[in-house]
Amino acid sequence: MEVTMSRETDWAVFEKAVEVTASAVRGTAAGGQPASYVGDVFREVYRALKETADAMPPKETKAGF
């Protein structure tokens, strides 16, 4: 069974990936990194956040205690 995120959750993950990427590369802007570096960082951050969000139980799930 493939789990898919809602559009709102996917958008929140995207926005957070943008924020994290901006923070991560802010100090490297003067360091002469190629533009592709930012894209690589974003892809990895987005992938990690999406995997984490997919692994979380659905909001409707009751606590197990």
PDB file of N, CA and C in Angstrom:
ATOM      1  N   MET A   1       0.844  -1.183   0.000  1.00  0.00           N
ATOM      2  CA  MET A   1       0.000   0.000   0.000  1.00  0.00           C
ATOM      3  C   MET A   1       0.883   1.238   0.000  1.00  0.00           C
ATOM      4  N   GLU A   2       0.703   2.086  -0.984  1.00  0.00           N
ATOM      5  CA  GLU A   2       1.482   3.317  -1.069  1.00  0.00           C
ATOM      6  C   GLU A   2       0.797   4.405  -0.252  1.00  0.00           C
ATOM      7  N   VAL A   3       1.560   5.062   0.594  1.00  0.00           N
ATOM      8  CA  VAL A   3       1.029   6.140   1.407  1.00  0.00           C
ATOM      9  C   VAL A   3       1.330   7.450   0.696  1.00  0.00           C
ATOM     10  N   THR A   4       0.311   8.275   0.540  1.00  0.00           N
ATOM     11  CA  THR A   4       0.522   9.573  -0.091  1.00  0.00           C
ATOM     12  C   THR A   4       0.141  10.671   0.892  1.00  0.00           C
ATOM     13  N   MET A   5       0.847  11.765   0.784  1.00  0.00           N
ATOM     14  CA  MET A   5       0.570  12.895   1.657  1.00  0.00           C
ATOM     15  C   MET A   5      -0.527  13.755   1.048  1.00  0.00           C
ATOM     16  N   SER A   6      -1.240  14.446   1.937  1.00  0.00           N
ATOM     17  CA  SER A   6      -2.218  15.404   1.444  1.00  0.00           C
ATOM     18  C   SER A   6      -1.487  16.572   0.800  1.00  0.00           C
ATOM     19  N   ARG A   7      -2.200  17.325   0.031  1.00  0.00           N
ATOM     20  CA  ARG A   7      -1.590  18.477  -0.638  1.00  0.00           C
ATOM     21  C   ARG A   7      -1.051  19.468   0.392  1.00  0.00           C
ATOM     22  N   GLU A   8      -1.789  19.683   1.495  1.00  0.00           N
ATOM     23  CA  GLU A   8      -1.341  20.627   2.523  1.00  0.00           C
ATOM     24  C   GLU A   8      -0.061  20.143   3.197  1.00  0.00           C
ATOM     25  N   THR A   9       0.013  18.861   3.476  1.00  0.00           N
ATOM     26  CA  THR A   9       1.216  18.312   4.100  1.00  0.00           C
ATOM     27  C   THR A   9       2.393  18.390   3.141  1.00  0.00           C
ATOM     28  N   ASP A  10       2.156  18.061   1.886  1.00  0.00           N
ATOM     29  CA  ASP A  10       3.226  18.119   0.899  1.00  0.00           C
ATOM     30  C   ASP A  10       3.742  19.550   0.757  1.00  0.00           C
ATOM     31  N   TRP A  11       2.835  20.519   0.756  1.00  0.00           N
ATOM     32  CA  TRP A  11       3.243  21.919   0.642  1.00  0.00           C
ATOM     33  C   TRP A  11       4.040  22.346   1.880  1.00  0.00           C
ATOM     34  N   ALA A  12       3.622  21.910   3.073  1.00  0.00           N
ATOM     35  CA  ALA A  12       4.343  22.252   4.301  1.00  0.00           C
ATOM     36  C   ALA A  12       5.760  21.664   4.275  1.00  0.00           C
ATOM     37  N   VAL A  13       5.885  20.437   3.784  1.00  0.00           N
ATOM     38  CA  VAL A  13       7.210  19.801   3.669  1.00  0.00           C
ATOM     39  C   VAL A  13       8.070  20.578   2.679  1.00  0.00           C
ATOM     40  N   PHE A  14       7.482  21.002   1.565  1.00  0.00           N
ATOM     41  CA  PHE A  14       8.216  21.783   0.570  1.00  0.00           C
ATOM     42  C   PHE A  14       8.704  23.100   1.172  1.00  0.00           C
ATOM     43  N   GLU A  15       7.816  23.813   1.871  1.00  0.00           N
ATOM     44  CA  GLU A  15       8.197  25.091   2.486  1.00  0.00           C
ATOM     45  C   GLU A  15       9.309  24.915   3.510  1.00  0.00           C
ATOM     46  N   LYS A  16       9.225  23.869   4.314  1.00  0.00           N
ATOM     47  CA  LYS A  16      10.258  23.622   5.307  1.00  0.00           C
ATOM     48  C   LYS A  16      11.574  23.288   4.632  1.00  0.00           C
ATOM     49  N   ALA A  17      11.537  22.538   3.540  1.00  0.00           N
ATOM     50  CA  ALA A  17      12.763  22.215   2.805  1.00  0.00           C
ATOM     51  C   ALA A  17      13.404  23.482   2.248  1.00  0.00           C
ATOM     52  N   VAL A  18      12.580  24.428   1.783  1.00  0.00           N
ATOM     53  CA  VAL A  18      13.108  25.704   1.290  1.00  0.00           C
ATOM     54  C   VAL A  18      13.791  26.456   2.426  1.00  0.00           C
ATOM     55  N   GLU A  19      13.160  26.499   3.603  1.00  0.00           N
ATOM     56  CA  GLU A  19      13.739  27.199   4.757  1.00  0.00           C
ATOM     57  C   GLU A  19      15.066  26.572   5.183  1.00  0.00           C
ATOM     58  N   VAL A  20      15.076  25.262   5.294  1.00  0.00           N
ATOM     59  CA  VAL A  20      16.292  24.562   5.723  1.00  0.00           C
ATOM     60  C   VAL A  20      17.406  24.748   4.696  1.00  0.00           C
ATOM     61  N   THR A  21      17.059  24.660   3.419  1.00  0.00           N
ATOM     62  CA  THR A  21      18.057  24.843   2.360  1.00  0.00           C
ATOM     63  C   THR A  21      18.636  26.255   2.409  1.00  0.00           C
ATOM     64  N   ALA A  22      17.776  27.254   2.568  1.00  0.00           N
ATOM     65  CA  ALA A  22      18.250  28.638   2.637  1.00  0.00           C
ATOM     66  C   ALA A  22      19.209  28.828   3.804  1.00  0.00           C
ATOM     67  N   SER A  23      18.871  28.256   4.954  1.00  0.00           N
ATOM     68  CA  SER A  23      19.761  28.361   6.111  1.00  0.00           C
ATOM     69  C   SER A  23      21.080  27.632   5.870  1.00  0.00           C
ATOM     70  N   ALA A  24      21.005  26.487   5.242  1.00  0.00           N
ATOM     71  CA  ALA A  24      22.200  25.666   5.038  1.00  0.00           C
ATOM     72  C   ALA A  24      23.179  26.293   4.059  1.00  0.00           C
ATOM     73  N   VAL A  25      22.676  26.946   3.023  1.00  0.00           N
ATOM     74  CA  VAL A  25      23.574  27.472   1.994  1.00  0.00           C
ATOM     75  C   VAL A  25      23.880  28.952   2.157  1.00  0.00           C
ATOM     76  N   ARG A  26      23.283  29.600   3.124  1.00  0.00           N
ATOM     77  CA  ARG A  26      23.486  31.032   3.311  1.00  0.00           C
ATOM     78  C   ARG A  26      24.970  31.375   3.444  1.00  0.00           C
ATOM     79  N   GLY A  27      25.696  30.607   4.212  1.00  0.00           N
ATOM     80  CA  GLY A  27      27.115  30.881   4.427  1.00  0.00           C
ATOM     81  C   GLY A  27      27.993  30.499   3.258  1.00  0.00           C
ATOM     82  N   THR A  28      27.471  29.742   2.329  1.00  0.00           N
ATOM     83  CA  THR A  28      28.294  29.295   1.206  1.00  0.00           C
ATOM     84  C   THR A  28      28.152  30.191  -0.012  1.00  0.00           C
ATOM     85  N   ALA A  29      27.248  31.178   0.047  1.00  0.00           N
ATOM     86  CA  ALA A  29      27.017  32.039  -1.117  1.00  0.00           C
ATOM     87  C   ALA A  29      28.285  32.780  -1.519  1.00  0.00           C
ATOM     88  N   ALA A  30      29.059  33.218  -0.557  1.00  0.00           N
ATOM     89  CA  ALA A  30      30.285  33.951  -0.875  1.00  0.00           C
ATOM     90  C   ALA A  30      31.443  32.994  -1.158  1.00  0.00           C
ATOM     91  N   GLY A  31      31.222  31.719  -0.916  1.00  0.00           N
ATOM     92  CA  GLY A  31      32.282  30.736  -1.079  1.00  0.00           C
ATOM     93  C   GLY A  31      32.473  30.246  -2.500  1.00  0.00           C
ATOM     94  N   GLY A  32      31.699  30.761  -3.421  1.00  0.00           N
ATOM     95  CA  GLY A  32      31.885  30.382  -4.814  1.00  0.00           C
ATOM     96  C   GLY A  32      31.315  29.021  -5.190  1.00  0.00           C
ATOM     97  N   GLN A  33      30.338  28.523  -4.441  1.00  0.00           N
ATOM     98  CA  GLN A  33      29.709  27.246  -4.790  1.00  0.00           C
ATOM     99  C   GLN A  33      28.899  27.418  -6.078  1.00  0.00           C
ATOM    100  N   PRO A  34      28.877  26.429  -6.937  1.00  0.00           N
ATOM    101  CA  PRO A  34      28.050  26.521  -8.151  1.00  0.00           C
ATOM    102  C   PRO A  34      26.562  26.485  -7.791  1.00  0.00           C
ATOM    103  N   ALA A  35      25.743  27.026  -8.667  1.00  0.00           N
ATOM    104  CA  ALA A  35      24.297  27.066  -8.419  1.00  0.00           C
ATOM    105  C   ALA A  35      23.715  25.669  -8.232  1.00  0.00           C
ATOM    106  N   SER A  36      24.300  24.692  -8.877  1.00  0.00           N
ATOM    107  CA  SER A  36      23.789  23.320  -8.756  1.00  0.00           C
ATOM    108  C   SER A  36      23.917  22.801  -7.326  1.00  0.00           C
ATOM    109  N   TYR A  37      24.836  23.376  -6.553  1.00  0.00           N
ATOM    110  CA  TYR A  37      25.009  22.971  -5.147  1.00  0.00           C
ATOM    111  C   TYR A  37      23.719  23.202  -4.361  1.00  0.00           C
ATOM    112  N   VAL A  38      23.080  24.356  -4.566  1.00  0.00           N
ATOM    113  CA  VAL A  38      21.828  24.667  -3.866  1.00  0.00           C
ATOM    114  C   VAL A  38      20.757  23.657  -4.249  1.00  0.00           C
ATOM    115  N   GLY A  39      20.676  23.317  -5.528  1.00  0.00           N
ATOM    116  CA  GLY A  39      19.709  22.325  -5.977  1.00  0.00           C
ATOM    117  C   GLY A  39      19.949  20.964  -5.349  1.00  0.00           C
ATOM    118  N   ASP A  40      21.216  20.580  -5.248  1.00  0.00           N
ATOM    119  CA  ASP A  40      21.554  19.296  -4.627  1.00  0.00           C
ATOM    120  C   ASP A  40      21.159  19.282  -3.155  1.00  0.00           C
ATOM    121  N   VAL A  41      21.449  20.387  -2.460  1.00  0.00           N
ATOM    122  CA  VAL A  41      21.086  20.473  -1.031  1.00  0.00           C
ATOM    123  C   VAL A  41      19.575  20.397  -0.883  1.00  0.00           C
ATOM    124  N   PHE A  42      18.838  21.152  -1.703  1.00  0.00           N
ATOM    125  CA  PHE A  42      17.378  21.130  -1.617  1.00  0.00           C
ATOM    126  C   PHE A  42      16.821  19.734  -1.847  1.00  0.00           C
ATOM    127  N   ARG A  43      17.298  19.057  -2.888  1.00  0.00           N
ATOM    128  CA  ARG A  43      16.792  17.705  -3.181  1.00  0.00           C
ATOM    129  C   ARG A  43      16.997  16.766  -2.000  1.00  0.00           C
ATOM    130  N   GLU A  44      18.161  16.826  -1.377  1.00  0.00           N
ATOM    131  CA  GLU A  44      18.440  15.934  -0.246  1.00  0.00           C
ATOM    132  C   GLU A  44      17.601  16.295   0.974  1.00  0.00           C
ATOM    133  N   VAL A  45      17.453  17.596   1.244  1.00  0.00           N
ATOM    134  CA  VAL A  45      16.634  18.033   2.387  1.00  0.00           C
ATOM    135  C   VAL A  45      15.183  17.635   2.158  1.00  0.00           C
ATOM    136  N   TYR A  46      14.658  17.894   0.961  1.00  0.00           N
ATOM    137  CA  TYR A  46      13.269  17.568   0.658  1.00  0.00           C
ATOM    138  C   TYR A  46      13.029  16.059   0.756  1.00  0.00           C
ATOM    139  N   ARG A  47      13.952  15.274   0.218  1.00  0.00           N
ATOM    140  CA  ARG A  47      13.816  13.817   0.279  1.00  0.00           C
ATOM    141  C   ARG A  47      13.770  13.340   1.728  1.00  0.00           C
ATOM    142  N   ALA A  48      14.654  13.857   2.564  1.00  0.00           N
ATOM    143  CA  ALA A  48      14.698  13.434   3.973  1.00  0.00           C
ATOM    144  C   ALA A  48      13.421  13.843   4.704  1.00  0.00           C
ATOM    145  N   LEU A  49      12.945  15.060   4.486  1.00  0.00           N
ATOM    146  CA  LEU A  49      11.713  15.502   5.147  1.00  0.00           C
ATOM    147  C   LEU A  49      10.506  14.706   4.662  1.00  0.00           C
ATOM    148  N   LYS A  50      10.447  14.419   3.361  1.00  0.00           N
ATOM    149  CA  LYS A  50       9.326  13.654   2.803  1.00  0.00           C
ATOM    150  C   LYS A  50       9.318  12.223   3.353  1.00  0.00           C
ATOM    151  N   GLU A  51      10.479  11.603   3.444  1.00  0.00           N
ATOM    152  CA  GLU A  51      10.561  10.253   4.019  1.00  0.00           C
ATOM    153  C   GLU A  51      10.087  10.254   5.470  1.00  0.00           C
ATOM    154  N   THR A  52      10.486  11.271   6.214  1.00  0.00           N
ATOM    155  CA  THR A  52      10.075  11.369   7.618  1.00  0.00           C
ATOM    156  C   THR A  52       8.571  11.570   7.728  1.00  0.00           C
ATOM    157  N   ALA A  53       8.019  12.454   6.911  1.00  0.00           N
ATOM    158  CA  ALA A  53       6.571  12.696   6.939  1.00  0.00           C
ATOM    159  C   ALA A  53       5.798  11.445   6.529  1.00  0.00           C
ATOM    160  N   ASP A  54       6.306  10.711   5.546  1.00  0.00           N
ATOM    161  CA  ASP A  54       5.639   9.475   5.118  1.00  0.00           C
ATOM    162  C   ASP A  54       5.669   8.408   6.207  1.00  0.00           C
ATOM    163  N   ALA A  55       6.712   8.415   7.029  1.00  0.00           N
ATOM    164  CA  ALA A  55       6.847   7.402   8.069  1.00  0.00           C
ATOM    165  C   ALA A  55       5.964   7.684   9.283  1.00  0.00           C
ATOM    166  N   MET A  56       5.474   8.894   9.395  1.00  0.00           N
ATOM    167  CA  MET A  56       4.637   9.248  10.548  1.00  0.00           C
ATOM    168  C   MET A  56       3.258   8.608  10.398  1.00  0.00           C
ATOM    169  N   PRO A  57       2.655   8.210  11.530  1.00  0.00           N
ATOM    170  CA  PRO A  57       1.310   7.632  11.449  1.00  0.00           C
ATOM    171  C   PRO A  57       0.293   8.694  11.049  1.00  0.00           C
ATOM    172  N   PRO A  58      -0.803   8.256  10.442  1.00  0.00           N
ATOM    173  CA  PRO A  58      -1.854   9.215  10.053  1.00  0.00           C
ATOM    174  C   PRO A  58      -2.368   9.989  11.265  1.00  0.00           C
ATOM    175  N   LYS A  59      -2.826  11.177  11.015  1.00  0.00           N
ATOM    176  CA  LYS A  59      -3.321  12.049  12.087  1.00  0.00           C
ATOM    177  C   LYS A  59      -4.522  11.433  12.800  1.00  0.00           C
ATOM    178  N   GLU A  60      -5.287  10.624  12.100  1.00  0.00           N
ATOM    179  CA  GLU A  60      -6.500  10.033  12.674  1.00  0.00           C
ATOM    180  C   GLU A  60      -6.187   8.854  13.613  1.00  0.00           C
ATOM    181  N   THR A  61      -4.949   8.367  13.606  1.00  0.00           N
ATOM    182  CA  THR A  61      -4.594   7.211  14.423  1.00  0.00           C
ATOM    183  C   THR A  61      -4.617   7.577  15.903  1.00  0.00           C
ATOM    184  N   LYS A  62      -5.218   6.706  16.712  1.00  0.00           N
ATOM    185  CA  LYS A  62      -5.265   6.936  18.150  1.00  0.00           C
ATOM    186  C   LYS A  62      -3.968   6.482  18.785  1.00  0.00           C
ATOM    187  N   ALA A  63      -3.635   7.092  19.893  1.00  0.00           N
ATOM    188  CA  ALA A  63      -2.438   6.714  20.642  1.00  0.00           C
ATOM    189  C   ALA A  63      -2.559   5.281  21.144  1.00  0.00           C
ATOM    190  N   GLY A  64      -1.435   4.616  21.266  1.00  0.00           N
ATOM    191  CA  GLY A  64      -1.449   3.207  21.662  1.00  0.00           C
ATOM    192  C   GLY A  64      -1.411   2.965  23.154  1.00  0.00           C
ATOM    193  N   PHE A  65      -1.749   3.950  23.922  1.00  0.00           N
ATOM    194  CA  PHE A  65      -1.747   3.732  25.388  1.00  0.00           C
ATOM    195  C   PHE A  65      -3.091   3.988  25.977  1.00  0.00           C
TER     196      PHE A  65
END
